[in-house]
Amino acid sequence: MLYRPLYNTCAQVNCAQSFGGDSVERDNTSMDPYEALKLRNQVCFPLYACSKELIRRYGPFLKEYGLTYTQYIVMMVLWEREKVSSRELAECLHLDYGTLTPVLKRLEQSGYLIRERSGEDERLLTLTLTETGKELRKKAVSIPPAIAECMGLTMEEFRTLYALTYKALRFMEHSGSKD
């Protein structure tokens, strides 16, 4: 079995009291069969809530440059590669074409990238970073440290969170159905 609730693998459980994140010890023998359905026992909920809050925290920083969070992560890929296909971008960001198309159009209108049909496959777009897009990178360099400060983690905690999150993502990408 791939998923085993924490409370089945140890004598006591730490769970979030009233969803606030405070550890509370629970005795394994008193748990009912529906304990796994409690929100406070789900790893997905704090990941979801934290992700939502983190993206909200990006808002004021990105607004200064006229970007949404999705536009920002597209730009981060382009800052790394300067030229990428729409397929590579979609895979890298775990986004579908329907989500990407309006984002790419807006970034092109802003002058940050150029969209061109691929010579090898007409269905694909080649996305190229412009000089304006490169200039934006110089301005956006202050965003990651400001966001890191908002998280209240030590560097060691940040690295651990990063490593575990990517470990779980890689596992899920390479196992089972993606329905």
N, C-alpha and C. Protein backbone atom coordinates (compact mmCIF):
# COMPACT_ATOMS: atom_id res chain seq x y z
N MET A 1 0.85 -1.17 0.00
CA MET A 1 0.00 0.00 0.00
C MET A 1 0.90 1.24 0.00
N LEU A 2 0.67 2.15 -0.95
CA LEU A 2 1.48 3.35 -1.06
C LEU A 2 1.17 4.37 0.00
N TYR A 3 -0.08 4.53 0.34
CA TYR A 3 -0.48 5.54 1.33
C TYR A 3 -0.81 4.86 2.63
N ARG A 4 -0.14 5.24 3.69
CA ARG A 4 -0.46 4.76 5.03
C ARG A 4 -0.57 5.98 5.92
N PRO A 5 -1.74 6.20 6.52
CA PRO A 5 -1.86 7.35 7.41
C PRO A 5 -0.84 7.28 8.53
N LEU A 6 -0.37 8.42 8.95
CA LEU A 6 0.61 8.49 10.03
C LEU A 6 0.18 7.72 11.26
N TYR A 7 -1.08 7.83 11.62
CA TYR A 7 -1.52 7.22 12.86
C TYR A 7 -1.50 5.71 12.80
N ASN A 8 -1.41 5.09 11.64
CA ASN A 8 -1.28 3.64 11.54
C ASN A 8 0.17 3.19 11.65
N THR A 9 1.11 4.09 11.56
CA THR A 9 2.51 3.70 11.56
C THR A 9 3.23 4.05 12.84
N CYS A 10 2.60 4.74 13.77
CA CYS A 10 3.25 5.07 15.04
C CYS A 10 2.24 5.02 16.18
N ALA A 11 2.76 4.87 17.39
CA ALA A 11 1.89 4.71 18.56
C ALA A 11 1.09 5.96 18.87
N GLN A 12 1.68 7.13 18.63
CA GLN A 12 0.97 8.38 18.89
C GLN A 12 1.01 9.23 17.63
N VAL A 13 0.05 10.11 17.51
CA VAL A 13 -0.06 10.96 16.33
C VAL A 13 0.09 12.41 16.73
N ASN A 14 0.82 13.16 15.92
CA ASN A 14 0.83 14.62 16.07
C ASN A 14 -0.08 15.15 14.99
N CYS A 15 -1.07 15.89 15.38
CA CYS A 15 -1.96 16.48 14.38
C CYS A 15 -2.24 17.92 14.77
N ALA A 16 -2.74 18.66 13.84
CA ALA A 16 -2.96 20.09 14.06
C ALA A 16 -4.23 20.30 14.85
N GLN A 17 -4.09 20.94 16.01
CA GLN A 17 -5.25 21.24 16.85
C GLN A 17 -6.00 22.42 16.25
N SER A 18 -7.25 22.20 15.95
CA SER A 18 -8.09 23.23 15.35
C SER A 18 -7.47 23.82 14.09
N PHE A 19 -6.74 23.01 13.34
CA PHE A 19 -6.11 23.38 12.07
C PHE A 19 -5.05 24.46 12.22
N GLY A 20 -4.65 24.75 13.46
CA GLY A 20 -3.69 25.82 13.69
C GLY A 20 -2.25 25.39 13.64
N GLY A 21 -1.98 24.12 13.52
CA GLY A 21 -0.62 23.67 13.39
C GLY A 21 0.04 23.29 14.70
N ASP A 22 -0.64 23.44 15.83
CA ASP A 22 -0.06 23.06 17.12
C ASP A 22 -0.10 21.54 17.25
N SER A 23 0.98 20.95 17.71
CA SER A 23 1.04 19.50 17.86
C SER A 23 0.21 19.06 19.05
N VAL A 24 -0.54 18.00 18.86
CA VAL A 24 -1.33 17.41 19.92
C VAL A 24 -1.08 15.91 19.85
N GLU A 25 -0.80 15.30 20.97
CA GLU A 25 -0.58 13.86 20.97
C GLU A 25 -1.93 13.16 21.04
N ARG A 26 -2.09 12.14 20.21
CA ARG A 26 -3.33 11.36 20.20
C ARG A 26 -2.95 9.90 20.42
N ASP A 27 -3.74 9.19 21.17
CA ASP A 27 -3.52 7.78 21.42
C ASP A 27 -4.09 6.99 20.26
N ASN A 28 -3.30 6.12 19.67
CA ASN A 28 -3.69 5.34 18.50
C ASN A 28 -4.86 4.40 18.81
N THR A 29 -4.98 3.92 20.02
CA THR A 29 -6.01 2.94 20.35
C THR A 29 -7.41 3.53 20.36
N SER A 30 -7.55 4.85 20.51
CA SER A 30 -8.87 5.45 20.60
C SER A 30 -9.38 5.99 19.26
N MET A 31 -8.65 5.78 18.19
CA MET A 31 -9.03 6.36 16.89
C MET A 31 -10.10 5.52 16.21
N ASP A 32 -11.06 6.20 15.64
CA ASP A 32 -12.11 5.53 14.92
C ASP A 32 -11.71 5.38 13.45
N PRO A 33 -12.43 4.57 12.70
CA PRO A 33 -12.06 4.33 11.30
C PRO A 33 -12.15 5.57 10.40
N TYR A 34 -12.83 6.62 10.88
CA TYR A 34 -12.98 7.83 10.10
C TYR A 34 -11.94 8.89 10.43
N GLU A 35 -11.00 8.56 11.28
CA GLU A 35 -9.95 9.51 11.67
C GLU A 35 -9.17 10.00 10.44
N ALA A 36 -8.97 9.13 9.47
CA ALA A 36 -8.23 9.51 8.27
C ALA A 36 -8.95 10.58 7.45
N LEU A 37 -10.25 10.72 7.66
CA LEU A 37 -11.01 11.71 6.91
C LEU A 37 -11.04 13.08 7.55
N LYS A 38 -10.42 13.23 8.70
CA LYS A 38 -10.39 14.53 9.35
C LYS A 38 -9.37 15.43 8.65
N LEU A 39 -9.77 16.64 8.41
CA LEU A 39 -8.94 17.59 7.69
C LEU A 39 -7.57 17.75 8.33
N ARG A 40 -7.54 17.78 9.65
CA ARG A 40 -6.28 17.99 10.35
C ARG A 40 -5.29 16.84 10.17
N ASN A 41 -5.75 15.70 9.67
CA ASN A 41 -4.87 14.55 9.45
C ASN A 41 -4.41 14.43 8.00
N GLN A 42 -4.71 15.40 7.18
CA GLN A 42 -4.36 15.36 5.77
C GLN A 42 -3.11 16.18 5.50
N VAL A 43 -2.19 15.64 4.75
CA VAL A 43 -1.02 16.42 4.34
C VAL A 43 -1.40 17.36 3.19
N CYS A 44 -2.41 16.99 2.42
CA CYS A 44 -2.81 17.81 1.27
C CYS A 44 -3.33 19.18 1.70
N PHE A 45 -4.05 19.24 2.81
CA PHE A 45 -4.65 20.52 3.19
C PHE A 45 -3.62 21.58 3.55
N PRO A 46 -2.65 21.30 4.44
CA PRO A 46 -1.68 22.35 4.73
C PRO A 46 -0.83 22.71 3.50
N LEU A 47 -0.58 21.74 2.61
CA LEU A 47 0.14 22.06 1.38
C LEU A 47 -0.69 23.00 0.51
N TYR A 48 -1.98 22.69 0.39
CA TYR A 48 -2.89 23.53 -0.40
C TYR A 48 -2.99 24.94 0.19
N ALA A 49 -3.23 25.01 1.50
CA ALA A 49 -3.41 26.31 2.15
C ALA A 49 -2.12 27.13 2.10
N CYS A 50 -1.00 26.47 2.32
CA CYS A 50 0.29 27.17 2.29
C CYS A 50 0.59 27.67 0.87
N SER A 51 0.32 26.84 -0.12
CA SER A 51 0.55 27.24 -1.50
C SER A 51 -0.31 28.45 -1.87
N LYS A 52 -1.55 28.39 -1.47
CA LYS A 52 -2.48 29.50 -1.74
C LYS A 52 -1.99 30.79 -1.06
N GLU A 53 -1.57 30.69 0.19
CA GLU A 53 -1.09 31.85 0.93
C GLU A 53 0.23 32.37 0.35
N LEU A 54 1.10 31.46 -0.03
CA LEU A 54 2.37 31.86 -0.61
C LEU A 54 2.17 32.62 -1.93
N ILE A 55 1.29 32.12 -2.76
CA ILE A 55 1.00 32.81 -4.02
C ILE A 55 0.38 34.18 -3.75
N ARG A 56 -0.48 34.27 -2.73
CA ARG A 56 -1.05 35.56 -2.35
C ARG A 56 0.05 36.53 -1.93
N ARG A 57 1.04 36.04 -1.22
CA ARG A 57 2.14 36.89 -0.76
C ARG A 57 2.98 37.42 -1.93
N TYR A 58 3.02 36.70 -3.03
CA TYR A 58 3.73 37.17 -4.22
C TYR A 58 3.05 38.38 -4.83
N GLY A 59 1.74 38.49 -4.64
CA GLY A 59 0.93 39.52 -5.29
C GLY A 59 1.51 40.92 -5.30
N PRO A 60 1.81 41.50 -4.14
CA PRO A 60 2.32 42.88 -4.14
C PRO A 60 3.65 43.04 -4.89
N PHE A 61 4.50 42.03 -4.81
CA PHE A 61 5.79 42.10 -5.50
C PHE A 61 5.60 42.02 -7.02
N LEU A 62 4.71 41.13 -7.45
CA LEU A 62 4.49 40.93 -8.89
C LEU A 62 3.68 42.07 -9.50
N LYS A 63 2.79 42.65 -8.71
CA LYS A 63 1.95 43.76 -9.20
C LYS A 63 2.83 44.91 -9.68
N GLU A 64 3.93 45.12 -8.99
CA GLU A 64 4.87 46.18 -9.35
C GLU A 64 5.37 46.03 -10.80
N TYR A 65 5.41 44.79 -11.28
CA TYR A 65 5.89 44.52 -12.64
C TYR A 65 4.76 44.11 -13.58
N GLY A 66 3.53 44.20 -13.11
CA GLY A 66 2.38 43.88 -13.94
C GLY A 66 2.27 42.40 -14.26
N LEU A 67 2.71 41.54 -13.33
CA LEU A 67 2.68 40.10 -13.57
C LEU A 67 1.73 39.39 -12.61
N THR A 68 1.15 38.30 -13.09
CA THR A 68 0.44 37.37 -12.22
C THR A 68 1.45 36.30 -11.81
N TYR A 69 1.08 35.47 -10.86
CA TYR A 69 1.99 34.40 -10.44
C TYR A 69 2.29 33.45 -11.60
N THR A 70 1.28 33.09 -12.38
CA THR A 70 1.49 32.18 -13.51
C THR A 70 2.42 32.81 -14.54
N GLN A 71 2.26 34.09 -14.81
CA GLN A 71 3.18 34.78 -15.73
C GLN A 71 4.60 34.78 -15.17
N TYR A 72 4.72 34.96 -13.87
CA TYR A 72 6.03 34.97 -13.22
C TYR A 72 6.75 33.63 -13.37
N ILE A 73 6.04 32.51 -13.15
CA ILE A 73 6.72 31.22 -13.28
C ILE A 73 7.08 30.91 -14.73
N VAL A 74 6.28 31.41 -15.68
CA VAL A 74 6.66 31.29 -17.09
C VAL A 74 7.96 32.07 -17.34
N MET A 75 8.02 33.26 -16.81
CA MET A 75 9.23 34.08 -16.98
C MET A 75 10.44 33.42 -16.33
N MET A 76 10.26 32.78 -15.19
CA MET A 76 11.39 32.11 -14.54
C MET A 76 11.97 31.02 -15.44
N VAL A 77 11.11 30.28 -16.12
CA VAL A 77 11.60 29.26 -17.05
C VAL A 77 12.36 29.93 -18.20
N LEU A 78 11.81 31.00 -18.73
CA LEU A 78 12.48 31.70 -19.83
C LEU A 78 13.79 32.35 -19.37
N TRP A 79 13.86 32.83 -18.16
CA TRP A 79 15.12 33.40 -17.66
C TRP A 79 16.20 32.33 -17.56
N GLU A 80 15.79 31.08 -17.31
CA GLU A 80 16.75 29.98 -17.25
C GLU A 80 17.18 29.52 -18.64
N ARG A 81 16.25 29.46 -19.58
CA ARG A 81 16.51 28.83 -20.87
C ARG A 81 16.56 29.78 -22.06
N GLU A 82 15.95 30.92 -21.96
CA GLU A 82 15.82 31.94 -23.01
C GLU A 82 15.00 31.52 -24.21
N LYS A 83 14.96 30.24 -24.54
CA LYS A 83 14.14 29.74 -25.64
C LYS A 83 13.61 28.37 -25.24
N VAL A 84 12.31 28.19 -25.41
CA VAL A 84 11.68 26.94 -24.99
C VAL A 84 10.44 26.69 -25.85
N SER A 85 10.10 25.43 -26.06
CA SER A 85 8.87 25.12 -26.79
C SER A 85 7.69 25.19 -25.84
N SER A 86 6.52 25.37 -26.39
CA SER A 86 5.31 25.43 -25.56
C SER A 86 5.10 24.09 -24.86
N ARG A 87 5.46 22.99 -25.48
CA ARG A 87 5.32 21.66 -24.87
C ARG A 87 6.24 21.54 -23.66
N GLU A 88 7.50 21.94 -23.81
CA GLU A 88 8.45 21.88 -22.70
C GLU A 88 7.98 22.75 -21.54
N LEU A 89 7.48 23.92 -21.87
CA LEU A 89 7.01 24.85 -20.84
C LEU A 89 5.82 24.24 -20.09
N ALA A 90 4.87 23.69 -20.82
CA ALA A 90 3.69 23.08 -20.19
C ALA A 90 4.09 21.94 -19.26
N GLU A 91 5.02 21.11 -19.70
CA GLU A 91 5.49 20.00 -18.87
C GLU A 91 6.22 20.51 -17.64
N CYS A 92 7.08 21.47 -17.83
CA CYS A 92 7.88 22.02 -16.74
C CYS A 92 7.00 22.64 -15.65
N LEU A 93 5.96 23.34 -16.04
CA LEU A 93 5.11 24.06 -15.10
C LEU A 93 3.85 23.28 -14.68
N HIS A 94 3.66 22.08 -15.23
CA HIS A 94 2.49 21.27 -14.93
C HIS A 94 1.21 22.03 -15.26
N LEU A 95 1.22 22.69 -16.41
CA LEU A 95 0.06 23.44 -16.87
C LEU A 95 -0.39 22.93 -18.23
N ASP A 96 -1.67 23.05 -18.53
CA ASP A 96 -2.15 22.66 -19.85
C ASP A 96 -2.11 23.85 -20.80
N TYR A 97 -2.24 23.56 -22.09
CA TYR A 97 -2.17 24.61 -23.11
C TYR A 97 -3.27 25.65 -22.94
N GLY A 98 -4.45 25.21 -22.50
CA GLY A 98 -5.56 26.13 -22.30
C GLY A 98 -5.25 27.20 -21.25
N THR A 99 -4.48 26.81 -20.26
CA THR A 99 -4.06 27.76 -19.22
C THR A 99 -2.93 28.64 -19.73
N LEU A 100 -2.00 28.03 -20.47
CA LEU A 100 -0.82 28.77 -20.92
C LEU A 100 -1.10 29.78 -22.02
N THR A 101 -1.99 29.47 -22.93
CA THR A 101 -2.21 30.33 -24.10
C THR A 101 -2.48 31.79 -23.73
N PRO A 102 -3.46 32.10 -22.87
CA PRO A 102 -3.69 33.52 -22.55
C PRO A 102 -2.51 34.15 -21.79
N VAL A 103 -1.83 33.35 -20.98
CA VAL A 103 -0.66 33.85 -20.24
C VAL A 103 0.44 34.25 -21.22
N LEU A 104 0.69 33.40 -22.20
CA LEU A 104 1.74 33.68 -23.19
C LEU A 104 1.38 34.88 -24.06
N LYS A 105 0.11 34.99 -24.44
CA LYS A 105 -0.33 36.14 -25.23
C LYS A 105 -0.09 37.44 -24.47
N ARG A 106 -0.44 37.44 -23.18
CA ARG A 106 -0.27 38.64 -22.36
C ARG A 106 1.21 38.99 -22.20
N LEU A 107 2.06 37.99 -22.00
CA LEU A 107 3.49 38.24 -21.86
C LEU A 107 4.09 38.75 -23.18
N GLU A 108 3.56 38.27 -24.30
CA GLU A 108 4.01 38.78 -25.59
C GLU A 108 3.57 40.23 -25.78
N GLN A 109 2.32 40.54 -25.42
CA GLN A 109 1.82 41.92 -25.51
C GLN A 109 2.64 42.87 -24.64
N SER A 110 3.15 42.36 -23.52
CA SER A 110 3.98 43.16 -22.62
C SER A 110 5.41 43.30 -23.13
N GLY A 111 5.73 42.56 -24.18
CA GLY A 111 7.06 42.65 -24.78
C GLY A 111 8.12 41.78 -24.12
N TYR A 112 7.70 40.82 -23.27
CA TYR A 112 8.66 39.98 -22.56
C TYR A 112 9.11 38.75 -23.32
N LEU A 113 8.29 38.32 -24.29
CA LEU A 113 8.65 37.14 -25.07
C LEU A 113 8.09 37.25 -26.48
N ILE A 114 8.61 36.41 -27.35
CA ILE A 114 8.12 36.31 -28.73
C ILE A 114 7.61 34.89 -28.92
N ARG A 115 6.41 34.74 -29.46
CA ARG A 115 5.84 33.43 -29.79
C ARG A 115 5.95 33.23 -31.29
N GLU A 116 6.53 32.12 -31.69
CA GLU A 116 6.65 31.78 -33.11
C GLU A 116 6.29 30.32 -33.31
N ARG A 117 5.65 30.02 -34.43
CA ARG A 117 5.35 28.63 -34.76
C ARG A 117 6.66 27.90 -34.99
N SER A 118 6.72 26.68 -34.48
CA SER A 118 7.92 25.86 -34.65
C SER A 118 8.03 25.42 -36.11
N GLY A 119 9.22 25.49 -36.64
CA GLY A 119 9.45 25.03 -38.01
C GLY A 119 9.34 23.52 -38.13
N GLU A 120 9.59 22.82 -37.04
CA GLU A 120 9.55 21.36 -37.04
C GLU A 120 8.15 20.81 -36.81
N ASP A 121 7.34 21.52 -36.06
CA ASP A 121 5.99 21.06 -35.75
C ASP A 121 5.09 22.29 -35.61
N GLU A 122 4.23 22.50 -36.60
CA GLU A 122 3.36 23.67 -36.65
C GLU A 122 2.44 23.80 -35.44
N ARG A 123 2.20 22.68 -34.75
CA ARG A 123 1.30 22.72 -33.59
C ARG A 123 1.97 23.36 -32.38
N LEU A 124 3.29 23.39 -32.38
CA LEU A 124 4.04 23.92 -31.24
C LEU A 124 4.49 25.35 -31.47
N LEU A 125 4.62 26.04 -30.37
CA LEU A 125 5.16 27.39 -30.40
C LEU A 125 6.57 27.35 -29.82
N THR A 126 7.43 28.17 -30.36
CA THR A 126 8.74 28.40 -29.76
C THR A 126 8.65 29.75 -29.08
N LEU A 127 9.04 29.78 -27.82
CA LEU A 127 8.96 30.99 -27.02
C LEU A 127 10.38 31.49 -26.78
N THR A 128 10.61 32.75 -27.10
CA THR A 128 11.95 33.32 -26.96
C THR A 128 11.88 34.57 -26.09
N LEU A 129 12.77 34.65 -25.13
CA LEU A 129 12.87 35.79 -24.24
C LEU A 129 13.38 37.01 -25.02
N THR A 130 12.77 38.15 -24.80
CA THR A 130 13.20 39.39 -25.45
C THR A 130 14.15 40.16 -24.52
N GLU A 131 14.71 41.23 -25.04
CA GLU A 131 15.58 42.09 -24.21
C GLU A 131 14.79 42.69 -23.05
N THR A 132 13.53 43.05 -23.32
CA THR A 132 12.67 43.58 -22.26
C THR A 132 12.47 42.52 -21.18
N GLY A 133 12.31 41.28 -21.60
CA GLY A 133 12.17 40.17 -20.65
C GLY A 133 13.44 39.98 -19.83
N LYS A 134 14.58 40.16 -20.47
CA LYS A 134 15.86 40.05 -19.75
C LYS A 134 16.02 41.18 -18.75
N GLU A 135 15.55 42.36 -19.10
CA GLU A 135 15.61 43.50 -18.17
C GLU A 135 14.71 43.26 -16.96
N LEU A 136 13.56 42.63 -17.19
CA LEU A 136 12.64 42.32 -16.11
C LEU A 136 13.32 41.39 -15.09
N ARG A 137 14.14 40.48 -15.58
CA ARG A 137 14.86 39.56 -14.68
C ARG A 137 15.71 40.33 -13.67
N LYS A 138 16.36 41.37 -14.13
CA LYS A 138 17.21 42.18 -13.25
C LYS A 138 16.39 42.82 -12.13
N LYS A 139 15.16 43.22 -12.45
CA LYS A 139 14.29 43.85 -11.47
C LYS A 139 13.70 42.81 -10.50
N ALA A 140 13.36 41.64 -11.03
CA ALA A 140 12.67 40.61 -10.25
C ALA A 140 13.58 39.86 -9.29
N VAL A 141 14.87 40.09 -9.36
CA VAL A 141 15.82 39.35 -8.53
C VAL A 141 15.58 39.56 -7.03
N SER A 142 14.91 40.61 -6.67
CA SER A 142 14.63 40.88 -5.25
C SER A 142 13.42 40.10 -4.73
N ILE A 143 12.65 39.50 -5.60
CA ILE A 143 11.43 38.82 -5.17
C ILE A 143 11.70 37.56 -4.34
N PRO A 144 12.52 36.61 -4.78
CA PRO A 144 12.70 35.39 -3.99
C PRO A 144 13.15 35.61 -2.53
N PRO A 145 14.13 36.48 -2.26
CA PRO A 145 14.48 36.66 -0.85
C PRO A 145 13.34 37.29 -0.03
N ALA A 146 12.57 38.16 -0.64
CA ALA A 146 11.44 38.77 0.08
C ALA A 146 10.39 37.71 0.42
N ILE A 147 10.14 36.80 -0.50
CA ILE A 147 9.18 35.72 -0.26
C ILE A 147 9.72 34.76 0.79
N ALA A 148 10.99 34.43 0.72
CA ALA A 148 11.59 33.54 1.72
C ALA A 148 11.43 34.12 3.12
N GLU A 149 11.57 35.41 3.24
CA GLU A 149 11.41 36.08 4.53
C GLU A 149 9.98 35.95 5.05
N CYS A 150 9.01 35.95 4.14
CA CYS A 150 7.60 35.82 4.53
C CYS A 150 7.27 34.45 5.10
N MET A 151 8.10 33.45 4.81
CA MET A 151 7.77 32.09 5.21
C MET A 151 8.15 31.75 6.64
N GLY A 152 9.04 32.50 7.24
CA GLY A 152 9.39 32.27 8.64
C GLY A 152 10.14 30.97 8.89
N LEU A 153 10.87 30.48 7.90
CA LEU A 153 11.63 29.24 8.04
C LEU A 153 13.12 29.55 8.12
N THR A 154 13.83 28.70 8.82
CA THR A 154 15.29 28.80 8.77
C THR A 154 15.75 28.27 7.43
N MET A 155 16.99 28.53 7.07
CA MET A 155 17.50 28.02 5.79
C MET A 155 17.45 26.49 5.77
N GLU A 156 17.76 25.86 6.88
CA GLU A 156 17.70 24.39 6.94
C GLU A 156 16.28 23.89 6.75
N GLU A 157 15.30 24.54 7.39
CA GLU A 157 13.91 24.15 7.22
C GLU A 157 13.44 24.38 5.79
N PHE A 158 13.87 25.48 5.21
CA PHE A 158 13.50 25.80 3.84
C PHE A 158 14.03 24.71 2.89
N ARG A 159 15.29 24.33 3.07
CA ARG A 159 15.89 23.28 2.22
C ARG A 159 15.18 21.94 2.40
N THR A 160 14.82 21.62 3.64
CA THR A 160 14.11 20.38 3.91
C THR A 160 12.74 20.38 3.25
N LEU A 161 12.01 21.46 3.40
CA LEU A 161 10.69 21.59 2.77
C LEU A 161 10.81 21.45 1.26
N TYR A 162 11.77 22.14 0.68
CA TYR A 162 12.00 22.09 -0.77
C TYR A 162 12.28 20.65 -1.21
N ALA A 163 13.21 19.99 -0.51
CA ALA A 163 13.61 18.63 -0.89
C ALA A 163 12.44 17.65 -0.77
N LEU A 164 11.69 17.72 0.32
CA LEU A 164 10.58 16.80 0.51
C LEU A 164 9.44 17.06 -0.47
N THR A 165 9.18 18.32 -0.75
CA THR A 165 8.12 18.65 -1.71
C THR A 165 8.46 18.11 -3.09
N TYR A 166 9.69 18.33 -3.54
CA TYR A 166 10.09 17.82 -4.85
C TYR A 166 10.19 16.30 -4.87
N LYS A 167 10.58 15.69 -3.76
CA LYS A 167 10.62 14.22 -3.69
C LYS A 167 9.22 13.66 -3.90
N ALA A 168 8.24 14.21 -3.21
CA ALA A 168 6.86 13.76 -3.36
C ALA A 168 6.35 14.01 -4.78
N LEU A 169 6.65 15.17 -5.34
CA LEU A 169 6.21 15.49 -6.70
C LEU A 169 6.80 14.51 -7.70
N ARG A 170 8.10 14.24 -7.61
CA ARG A 170 8.75 13.28 -8.53
C ARG A 170 8.12 11.91 -8.41
N PHE A 171 7.87 11.47 -7.18
CA PHE A 171 7.26 10.16 -6.97
C PHE A 171 5.89 10.10 -7.65
N MET A 172 5.07 11.11 -7.42
CA MET A 172 3.73 11.12 -8.00
C MET A 172 3.77 11.21 -9.52
N GLU A 173 4.74 11.93 -10.06
CA GLU A 173 4.87 12.04 -11.53
C GLU A 173 5.23 10.70 -12.16
N HIS A 174 5.96 9.88 -11.46
CA HIS A 174 6.47 8.65 -12.03
C HIS A 174 5.73 7.40 -11.56
N SER A 175 4.64 7.57 -10.85
CA SER A 175 3.88 6.42 -10.40
C SER A 175 2.42 6.59 -10.71
N GLY A 176 1.83 5.56 -11.20
CA GLY A 176 0.39 5.55 -11.39
C GLY A 176 -0.14 6.49 -12.46
N SER A 177 -1.45 6.60 -12.46
CA SER A 177 -2.18 7.39 -13.44
C SER A 177 -2.12 8.87 -13.10
N LYS A 178 -2.18 9.70 -14.12
CA LYS A 178 -2.20 11.16 -13.94
C LYS A 178 -3.59 11.73 -14.20
N ASP A 179 -4.61 10.91 -14.08
CA ASP A 179 -5.98 11.35 -14.36
C ASP A 179 -6.37 12.51 -13.53
